[in-house]
Amino acid sequence: MAEGTIKKVLDKGFGFIKTATDKDLFFHSSAVQGVGFNDLREGQKVTYTEGMGQKGPCAENVKPA
């Protein structure tokens, strides 16, 4: 699993993770595991797996680190 930092969490049910390569990776609330989407905060460390969504790369299995 890769590690990153929550860059932005939006009220619309999605957010972005800043990856180790400084790339922003989209994630949807349905990809969050172990905690509720609303429990995630900007600057929080998370682990994830990179997958492919309808519009390109996205984070899946997002969990607090």
Protein backbone atom coordinates (compact mmCIF):
# COMPACT_ATOMS: atom_id res chain seq x y z
CA MET A 1 0.00 0.00 0.00
CA ALA A 2 1.16 3.52 -0.77
CA GLU A 3 1.18 6.36 1.75
CA GLY A 4 0.07 9.94 1.26
CA THR A 5 -1.46 12.96 2.97
CA ILE A 6 -5.01 14.24 2.68
CA LYS A 7 -4.71 17.46 0.69
CA LYS A 8 -8.36 18.41 0.47
CA VAL A 9 -11.70 16.98 1.62
CA LEU A 10 -14.81 18.41 -0.02
CA ASP A 11 -18.39 18.34 1.28
CA LYS A 12 -19.48 16.77 -2.00
CA GLY A 13 -18.14 13.34 -0.92
CA PHE A 14 -14.69 13.31 -2.46
CA GLY A 15 -11.20 14.63 -1.89
CA PHE A 16 -7.58 14.53 -2.97
CA ILE A 17 -4.48 12.83 -1.58
CA LYS A 18 -1.00 14.28 -2.04
CA THR A 19 1.17 11.31 -2.97
CA ALA A 20 4.88 10.76 -2.24
CA THR A 21 5.62 12.03 -5.77
CA ASP A 22 3.63 15.26 -5.10
CA LYS A 23 0.91 14.11 -7.49
CA ASP A 24 -2.71 14.75 -6.42
CA LEU A 25 -4.85 11.63 -6.48
CA PHE A 26 -8.67 11.75 -6.42
CA PHE A 27 -10.62 9.62 -3.95
CA HIS A 28 -14.36 9.12 -3.44
CA SER A 29 -16.05 8.65 -0.07
CA SER A 30 -16.90 5.06 -1.06
CA ALA A 31 -13.13 4.29 -1.15
CA VAL A 32 -12.65 5.11 2.56
CA GLN A 33 -12.17 2.06 4.82
CA GLY A 34 -12.17 1.77 8.62
CA VAL A 35 -13.46 5.29 9.36
CA GLY A 36 -16.20 7.54 8.06
CA PHE A 37 -15.48 9.96 5.23
CA ASN A 38 -16.25 12.90 7.56
CA ASP A 39 -13.55 11.70 9.99
CA LEU A 40 -10.78 12.48 7.49
CA ARG A 41 -8.95 15.79 7.91
CA GLU A 42 -6.60 17.78 5.71
CA GLY A 43 -2.98 16.97 6.56
CA GLN A 44 -3.85 13.47 7.86
CA LYS A 45 -1.60 10.59 6.77
CA VAL A 46 -3.36 7.77 4.94
CA THR A 47 -2.56 4.56 3.12
CA TYR A 48 -4.21 3.63 -0.17
CA THR A 49 -3.94 1.55 -3.30
CA GLU A 50 -3.91 3.27 -6.67
CA GLY A 51 -6.64 2.23 -9.06
CA MET A 52 -8.30 3.45 -12.22
CA GLY A 53 -11.63 5.26 -12.14
CA GLN A 54 -13.90 6.45 -14.93
CA LYS A 55 -11.91 9.66 -15.32
CA GLY A 56 -8.40 8.38 -14.62
CA PRO A 57 -6.21 7.32 -11.68
CA CYS A 58 -7.83 7.34 -8.23
CA ALA A 59 -7.15 6.12 -4.70
CA GLU A 60 -8.94 3.02 -3.41
CA ASN A 61 -8.96 1.39 0.04
CA VAL A 62 -8.13 4.71 1.75
CA LYS A 63 -7.32 4.16 5.45
CA PRO A 64 -5.80 6.37 8.16
CA ALA A 65 -2.11 5.53 8.64
